[in-house]
Protein backbone atom coordinates (compact mmCIF):
# COMPACT_ATOMS: atom_id res chain seq x y z
CA UNK A 1 33.18 -76.79 52.75
CA UNK A 2 31.70 -75.12 49.94
CA UNK A 3 29.27 -72.82 51.21
CA UNK A 4 29.26 -69.30 50.71
CA UNK A 5 28.46 -67.07 53.98
CA UNK A 6 27.14 -63.28 53.78
CA UNK A 7 28.91 -61.88 57.16
CA UNK A 8 31.79 -62.84 59.21
CA UNK A 9 29.44 -63.80 62.47
CA UNK A 10 28.22 -66.67 60.32
CA UNK A 11 31.67 -68.18 60.55
CA UNK A 12 31.18 -68.62 64.77
CA UNK A 13 32.04 -72.11 65.78
CA UNK A 14 34.41 -72.66 62.63
CA UNK A 15 38.00 -73.91 63.52
CA UNK A 16 40.78 -71.49 62.45
CA UNK A 17 41.92 -71.83 58.82
CA UNK A 18 38.24 -73.20 57.83
CA UNK A 19 37.87 -72.36 54.39
CA UNK A 20 34.51 -70.97 53.22
CA UNK A 21 33.49 -68.17 51.03
CA UNK A 22 32.63 -65.20 52.89
CA UNK A 23 31.34 -62.27 51.21
CA UNK A 24 28.78 -60.92 48.58
CA UNK A 25 27.66 -63.68 46.15
CA UNK A 26 28.24 -63.19 42.40
CA UNK A 27 26.61 -65.16 39.51
CA UNK A 28 29.82 -65.11 37.64
CA UNK A 29 32.03 -68.23 37.44
CA UNK A 30 35.43 -68.46 38.29
CA UNK A 31 37.83 -67.21 35.45
CA UNK A 32 41.62 -67.76 35.84
CA UNK A 33 44.01 -66.14 33.51
CA UNK A 34 47.80 -66.58 33.43
CA UNK A 35 50.16 -64.28 31.86
CA UNK A 36 53.98 -65.05 31.63
CA UNK A 37 56.51 -62.95 30.42
CA UNK A 38 60.07 -61.75 30.41
CA UNK A 39 61.98 -58.98 28.36
CA UNK A 40 61.65 -61.20 25.48
CA UNK A 41 58.67 -63.39 25.39
CA UNK A 42 54.86 -62.91 26.42
CA UNK A 43 52.28 -65.46 26.99
CA UNK A 44 48.84 -65.06 27.91
CA UNK A 45 45.96 -67.82 28.39
CA UNK A 46 42.77 -68.37 30.22
CA UNK A 47 43.33 -71.93 32.34
CA UNK A 48 40.69 -74.12 34.16
CA UNK A 49 43.14 -76.08 36.41
CA UNK A 50 45.78 -75.56 38.90
CA UNK A 51 47.82 -78.37 37.09
CA UNK A 52 48.08 -75.81 34.30
CA UNK A 53 49.77 -73.40 36.52
CA UNK A 54 52.50 -76.00 37.97
CA UNK A 55 54.94 -75.81 34.85
CA UNK A 56 55.57 -72.37 35.21
CA UNK A 57 56.24 -72.81 39.10
CA UNK A 58 60.02 -73.02 38.55
CA UNK A 59 60.66 -70.84 35.42
CA UNK A 60 63.03 -67.84 35.65
CA UNK A 61 60.44 -65.75 34.06
CA UNK A 62 57.47 -63.89 35.84
CA UNK A 63 54.29 -65.67 36.06
CA UNK A 64 50.93 -63.75 37.25
CA UNK A 65 47.87 -65.66 37.73
CA UNK A 66 44.67 -63.60 38.45
CA UNK A 67 41.82 -65.51 39.69
CA UNK A 68 38.29 -63.32 39.31
CA UNK A 69 35.84 -65.03 41.64
CA UNK A 70 36.06 -66.75 44.89
CA UNK A 71 33.26 -68.94 44.92
CA UNK A 72 35.49 -72.11 43.94
CA UNK A 73 36.92 -72.93 47.55
CA UNK A 74 38.74 -76.23 46.24
CA UNK A 75 40.40 -73.96 43.84
CA UNK A 76 41.69 -71.92 46.86
CA UNK A 77 42.53 -75.33 48.68
CA UNK A 78 44.46 -76.78 45.86
CA UNK A 79 46.50 -73.45 45.09
CA UNK A 80 47.62 -73.38 48.79
CA UNK A 81 48.53 -77.06 48.51
CA UNK A 82 50.62 -76.74 45.28
CA UNK A 83 52.15 -73.44 46.85
CA UNK A 84 52.39 -74.23 50.06
CA UNK A 85 50.34 -71.22 51.24
CA UNK A 86 49.46 -71.12 54.89
CA UNK A 87 45.68 -72.37 55.53
CA UNK A 88 44.97 -68.63 57.43
CA UNK A 89 46.03 -67.26 54.40
CA UNK A 90 43.93 -69.03 52.36
CA UNK A 91 41.05 -68.50 54.74
CA UNK A 92 41.90 -64.53 54.44
CA UNK A 93 41.85 -64.81 50.89
CA UNK A 94 38.19 -66.34 50.96
CA UNK A 95 37.04 -63.69 53.70
CA UNK A 96 36.19 -60.46 52.07
CA UNK A 97 35.84 -58.48 55.13
CA UNK A 98 39.38 -58.26 55.87
CA UNK A 99 41.05 -54.73 56.72
CA UNK A 100 43.99 -54.07 54.55
CA UNK A 101 47.19 -55.91 55.83
CA UNK A 102 50.71 -56.87 54.74
CA UNK A 103 52.25 -60.25 55.89
CA UNK A 104 55.95 -61.29 55.40
CA UNK A 105 56.16 -65.09 54.98
CA UNK A 106 59.32 -66.79 54.61
CA UNK A 107 58.81 -67.84 51.02
CA UNK A 108 56.19 -65.55 49.75
CA UNK A 109 54.31 -62.24 50.91
CA UNK A 110 50.78 -61.54 51.46
CA UNK A 111 48.44 -58.47 51.03
CA UNK A 112 44.77 -57.56 50.85
CA UNK A 113 43.51 -54.26 49.66
CA UNK A 114 40.10 -52.70 48.95
CA UNK A 115 39.44 -51.54 45.43
CA UNK A 116 36.73 -48.74 45.68
CA UNK A 117 34.73 -48.12 42.47
CA UNK A 118 31.46 -46.10 41.54
CA UNK A 119 28.52 -47.81 40.86
CA UNK A 120 25.70 -46.86 38.65
CA UNK A 121 23.84 -44.76 41.00
CA UNK A 122 24.30 -41.31 42.63
CA UNK A 123 27.80 -41.92 44.51
CA UNK A 124 26.86 -45.65 44.91
CA UNK A 125 30.58 -46.92 45.83
CA UNK A 126 31.16 -50.61 45.24
CA UNK A 127 33.52 -52.40 47.55
CA UNK A 128 36.11 -55.09 46.25
CA UNK A 129 38.62 -56.84 48.42
CA UNK A 130 41.71 -57.61 46.12
CA UNK A 131 44.49 -60.64 47.67
CA UNK A 132 48.11 -60.31 46.27
CA UNK A 133 50.27 -63.65 46.79
CA UNK A 134 54.11 -62.56 45.88
CA UNK A 135 56.53 -65.09 45.22
CA UNK A 136 60.08 -65.24 43.91
CA UNK A 137 58.92 -65.52 40.11
CA UNK A 138 55.13 -66.06 41.05
CA UNK A 139 52.24 -63.51 41.48
CA UNK A 140 48.76 -64.58 42.39
CA UNK A 141 46.12 -61.61 42.50
CA UNK A 142 42.68 -62.85 43.73
CA UNK A 143 39.33 -60.64 42.74
CA UNK A 144 35.50 -60.96 43.88
CA UNK A 145 34.28 -60.39 40.38
CA UNK A 146 35.77 -59.69 36.85
CA UNK A 147 36.40 -56.14 36.28
CA UNK A 148 38.59 -53.73 33.87
CA UNK A 149 40.54 -52.85 36.86
CA UNK A 150 43.60 -54.74 35.64
CA UNK A 151 43.27 -54.12 31.64
CA UNK A 152 45.84 -50.97 31.72
CA UNK A 153 48.36 -53.21 33.54
CA UNK A 154 47.55 -56.26 30.71
CA UNK A 155 48.33 -53.67 28.16
CA UNK A 156 51.72 -52.10 29.84
CA UNK A 157 52.83 -55.85 29.74
CA UNK A 158 52.25 -56.11 26.00
CA UNK A 159 54.50 -53.21 25.94
CA UNK A 160 57.96 -55.12 25.09
CA UNK A 161 59.81 -51.94 26.03
CA UNK A 162 58.07 -51.23 29.12
CA UNK A 163 59.78 -51.48 32.46
CA UNK A 164 57.20 -53.77 33.59
CA UNK A 165 58.97 -56.53 31.11
CA UNK A 166 62.14 -55.84 32.62
CA UNK A 167 61.32 -56.40 36.40
CA UNK A 168 59.96 -59.41 38.49
CA UNK A 169 56.99 -59.93 40.92
CA UNK A 170 57.58 -57.48 43.32
CA UNK A 171 57.64 -55.12 40.64
CA UNK A 172 54.08 -56.24 39.48
CA UNK A 173 52.80 -56.10 43.05
CA UNK A 174 54.00 -52.84 42.95
CA UNK A 175 51.76 -51.91 39.59
CA UNK A 176 48.79 -53.70 41.11
CA UNK A 177 48.98 -51.49 44.44
CA UNK A 178 49.52 -48.39 42.33
CA UNK A 179 46.47 -49.08 40.08
CA UNK A 180 44.17 -49.76 42.98
CA UNK A 181 45.41 -46.38 44.51
CA UNK A 182 44.54 -44.50 41.10
CA UNK A 183 41.41 -45.45 41.28
CA UNK A 184 40.77 -43.73 44.80
CA UNK A 185 41.81 -40.73 42.97
CA UNK A 186 39.03 -41.18 40.48
CA UNK A 187 36.62 -41.65 43.51
CA UNK A 188 38.29 -38.22 44.89
CA UNK A 189 37.03 -36.50 41.55
CA UNK A 190 33.91 -37.63 41.91
CA UNK A 191 33.26 -36.86 45.67
CA UNK A 192 35.13 -33.39 44.85
CA UNK A 193 32.33 -32.45 41.96
CA UNK A 194 29.39 -33.52 44.03
CA UNK A 195 30.59 -31.83 47.00
CA UNK A 196 30.64 -28.66 45.32
CA UNK A 197 26.93 -29.17 43.72
CA UNK A 198 25.87 -29.57 47.49
CA UNK A 199 27.36 -26.38 48.50
CA UNK A 200 25.82 -24.54 46.05
CA UNK A 201 22.56 -26.22 46.46
CA UNK A 202 22.70 -25.60 50.45
CA UNK A 203 23.57 -21.61 49.54
CA UNK A 204 20.59 -21.36 47.25
CA UNK A 205 17.75 -23.47 47.77
CA UNK A 206 18.62 -26.37 50.71
CA UNK A 207 15.84 -29.39 50.38
CA UNK A 208 15.30 -32.43 52.09
CA UNK A 209 17.05 -34.13 49.07
CA UNK A 210 20.34 -32.14 49.93
CA UNK A 211 19.77 -33.38 53.27
CA UNK A 212 19.50 -36.92 52.41
CA UNK A 213 22.77 -36.58 49.98
CA UNK A 214 24.49 -35.20 52.98
CA UNK A 215 24.03 -37.90 54.96
CA UNK A 216 24.45 -40.69 52.18
CA UNK A 217 27.86 -38.97 51.67
CA UNK A 218 28.95 -39.14 55.40
CA UNK A 219 27.72 -42.67 56.12
CA UNK A 220 29.75 -43.85 52.92
CA UNK A 221 32.96 -41.56 54.00
CA UNK A 222 32.82 -43.91 57.21
CA UNK A 223 33.32 -47.08 55.16
CA UNK A 224 35.62 -45.53 52.36
CA UNK A 225 37.93 -44.12 55.45
CA UNK A 226 37.89 -47.84 57.20
CA UNK A 227 38.87 -49.24 53.65
CA UNK A 228 41.65 -46.95 53.03
CA UNK A 229 43.50 -45.91 56.21
CA UNK A 230 45.32 -49.10 56.70
CA UNK A 231 46.55 -49.03 53.41
CA UNK A 232 49.15 -46.74 54.88
CA UNK A 233 50.05 -49.35 57.38
CA UNK A 234 50.28 -51.90 54.59
CA UNK A 235 52.68 -49.74 52.79
CA UNK A 236 54.87 -49.28 55.84
CA UNK A 237 55.10 -52.61 56.54
CA UNK A 238 56.64 -53.18 52.91
CA UNK A 239 59.06 -50.50 52.93
CA UNK A 240 60.49 -52.17 56.39
CA UNK A 241 60.49 -55.72 55.44
CA UNK A 242 63.82 -57.06 55.15
CA UNK A 243 62.40 -59.92 52.76
CA UNK A 244 64.56 -60.74 49.62
CA UNK A 245 61.28 -60.95 47.61
CA UNK A 246 61.29 -57.35 47.60
CA UNK A 247 64.54 -55.77 45.31
CA UNK A 248 65.88 -52.73 46.97
CA UNK A 249 65.89 -50.67 43.94
CA UNK A 250 62.13 -51.28 43.91
CA UNK A 251 61.44 -50.20 47.07
CA UNK A 252 61.22 -46.43 46.17
CA UNK A 253 58.05 -47.31 43.93
CA UNK A 254 56.38 -48.79 47.14
CA UNK A 255 57.66 -45.53 48.90
CA UNK A 256 55.68 -43.58 45.50
CA UNK A 257 52.29 -45.65 46.41
CA UNK A 258 52.61 -44.70 49.98
CA UNK A 259 52.74 -40.93 49.08
CA UNK A 260 49.57 -41.46 47.03
CA UNK A 261 47.83 -43.06 49.57
CA UNK A 262 48.67 -40.33 52.10
CA UNK A 263 47.15 -37.80 49.68
CA UNK A 264 44.26 -39.80 49.32
CA UNK A 265 43.63 -40.33 53.13
CA UNK A 266 43.96 -37.02 53.81
CA UNK A 267 41.64 -35.83 51.46
CA UNK A 268 39.15 -38.32 53.10
CA UNK A 269 39.45 -36.59 56.16
CA UNK A 270 39.21 -33.39 55.03
CA UNK A 271 35.60 -34.52 53.44
CA UNK A 272 34.75 -35.66 56.35
CA UNK A 273 34.94 -32.36 57.89
CA UNK A 274 33.64 -30.73 55.04
CA UNK A 275 30.50 -32.88 55.41
CA UNK A 276 30.16 -32.26 58.92
CA UNK A 277 30.06 -28.44 58.16
CA UNK A 278 27.60 -28.94 55.28
CA UNK A 279 25.34 -30.40 57.94
CA UNK A 280 25.66 -27.50 60.21
CA UNK A 281 24.75 -25.03 56.96
CA UNK A 282 21.93 -27.24 56.42
CA UNK A 283 20.29 -26.71 59.65
CA UNK A 284 21.56 -22.95 59.78
CA UNK A 285 19.73 -22.55 56.29
CA UNK A 286 16.78 -24.39 57.33
CA UNK A 287 16.62 -22.68 60.87
CA UNK A 288 16.56 -19.30 59.17
CA UNK A 289 14.02 -20.03 56.59
CA UNK A 290 11.81 -20.77 59.51
CA UNK A 291 12.52 -17.56 61.38
CA UNK A 292 11.83 -15.70 58.27
CA UNK A 293 8.51 -17.49 58.15
CA UNK A 294 7.58 -16.82 61.54
CA UNK A 295 8.67 -13.32 61.47
CA UNK A 296 6.53 -12.60 58.03
CA UNK A 297 3.43 -14.80 60.12
CA UNK A 298 4.01 -12.70 63.29
CA UNK A 299 4.14 -9.47 61.11
CA UNK A 300 0.66 -10.11 59.91
CA UNK A 301 -0.40 -11.25 63.02
CA UNK A 302 0.24 -8.09 64.58
CA UNK A 303 -1.20 -5.79 61.75
CA UNK A 304 -4.60 -7.84 62.39
CA UNK A 305 -4.90 -7.80 66.34
CA UNK A 306 -6.13 -4.38 66.33
CA UNK A 307 -8.33 -4.90 63.33
CA UNK A 308 -9.41 -8.04 65.24
CA UNK A 309 -10.17 -5.99 68.54
CA UNK A 310 -12.38 -3.48 66.72
CA UNK A 311 -14.38 -6.27 64.70
CA UNK A 312 -14.96 -7.92 67.76
CA UNK A 313 -16.12 -4.99 69.86
CA UNK A 314 -18.56 -4.06 67.16
CA UNK A 315 -19.56 -7.49 66.54
CA UNK A 316 -21.48 -7.51 70.28
CA UNK A 317 -24.79 -7.29 70.31
CA UNK A 318 -25.68 -4.21 72.73
CA UNK A 319 -28.88 -2.27 72.02
CA UNK A 320 -27.13 1.26 72.61
CA UNK A 321 -24.13 1.38 70.17
CA UNK A 322 -24.51 4.81 68.59
CA UNK A 323 -22.01 4.16 65.68
CA UNK A 324 -24.46 1.25 64.48
CA UNK A 325 -27.16 3.96 63.53
CA UNK A 326 -24.64 6.25 61.86
CA UNK A 327 -25.20 6.51 57.78
CA UNK A 328 -21.20 6.43 57.25
CA UNK A 329 -20.16 4.55 60.14
CA UNK A 330 -19.36 1.22 57.92
CA UNK A 331 -17.19 3.11 55.47
CA UNK A 332 -15.83 5.13 58.11
CA UNK A 333 -14.86 1.66 60.12
CA UNK A 334 -13.25 0.30 56.84
CA UNK A 335 -11.04 3.70 56.35
CA UNK A 336 -9.86 3.48 59.96
CA UNK A 337 -8.64 -0.47 59.22
CA UNK A 338 -6.69 0.41 55.91
CA UNK A 339 -5.06 3.25 57.60
CA UNK A 340 -4.06 1.28 60.71
CA UNK A 341 -2.62 -1.71 58.48
CA UNK A 342 -0.89 0.70 56.64
CA UNK A 343 0.68 2.73 59.52
CA UNK A 344 2.19 -0.69 60.92
CA UNK A 345 3.65 -2.16 57.48
CA UNK A 346 5.39 1.73 57.42
CA UNK A 347 6.41 1.30 60.59
CA UNK A 348 7.72 -2.30 60.13
CA UNK A 349 9.47 -1.43 57.33
CA UNK A 350 11.01 1.23 58.97
CA UNK A 351 12.24 -1.10 61.33
CA UNK A 352 13.45 -3.62 58.98
CA UNK A 353 11.23 -6.19 60.12
CA UNK A 354 9.67 -6.65 56.76
């Protein structure tokens, strides 16, 4: 089956292990990059078939195969057959709505993580699932689309004196996880800046646009927390694993990633509290502005109530109203109006109602 599905519900009725791509559909073709290296040699090339990977399978050097694009279900199936990967793992690779997890198999390790990056819009977060398979001297990474995420890793591999050239596939898996978590810090910095701007707007002049942005951040933080929180469990599982595929010397590096992930998770929790507080501040500001407006309107209404009463009295059509025949009645009445208005304004200011 090669059809791509947009949601998990569309898989209803399929048997476990059915290979079908579930997730966002991108226009790019599948791109396979192979890098083979050790302390002295380095080879990097683009390949088009599984057969080109097989000669590197039993080499003592480390081989990294990165697959960009998951629409080619047959490619995943053939990789699974050639490297004896469980069909449920193949299904998880193609199902891009997975939560972060770690699974320990006899001959390989399987991990899925979420890469979060800022899109072109204002705080538009793009989500991408990255699946990692770690063998003894072989590592696969599966991404949904071509990005520049792994370019810094490739630059480090080109450095002959770098640590990454001296260690195995487990260290490369650590570097991949560390790169993904570093992207979280970039997201955190952008969020810090945006929240600071919103706080300034809330204190000066909150508008409906401010409310919309607060609600947008609040909604995105729900998905961010859902994507990042399981990473703590994943890294704990790696540290507890007794798999010989993870060298004891490299476990400390995974512990370092665990500390970084905790910092990001705690920061996202604090952002949720900040956003909730900002929503309360916005509502309070709007209520205060409404109260000020109603106070001013009430004051002016109070000023005009006696004037309306007097105007209403002298607006009656009675015949015997002596003031109607007086020469100075009209200007005297206006002087009375002005005196009452000024007296009420002075009284309201003394009471600090204005």
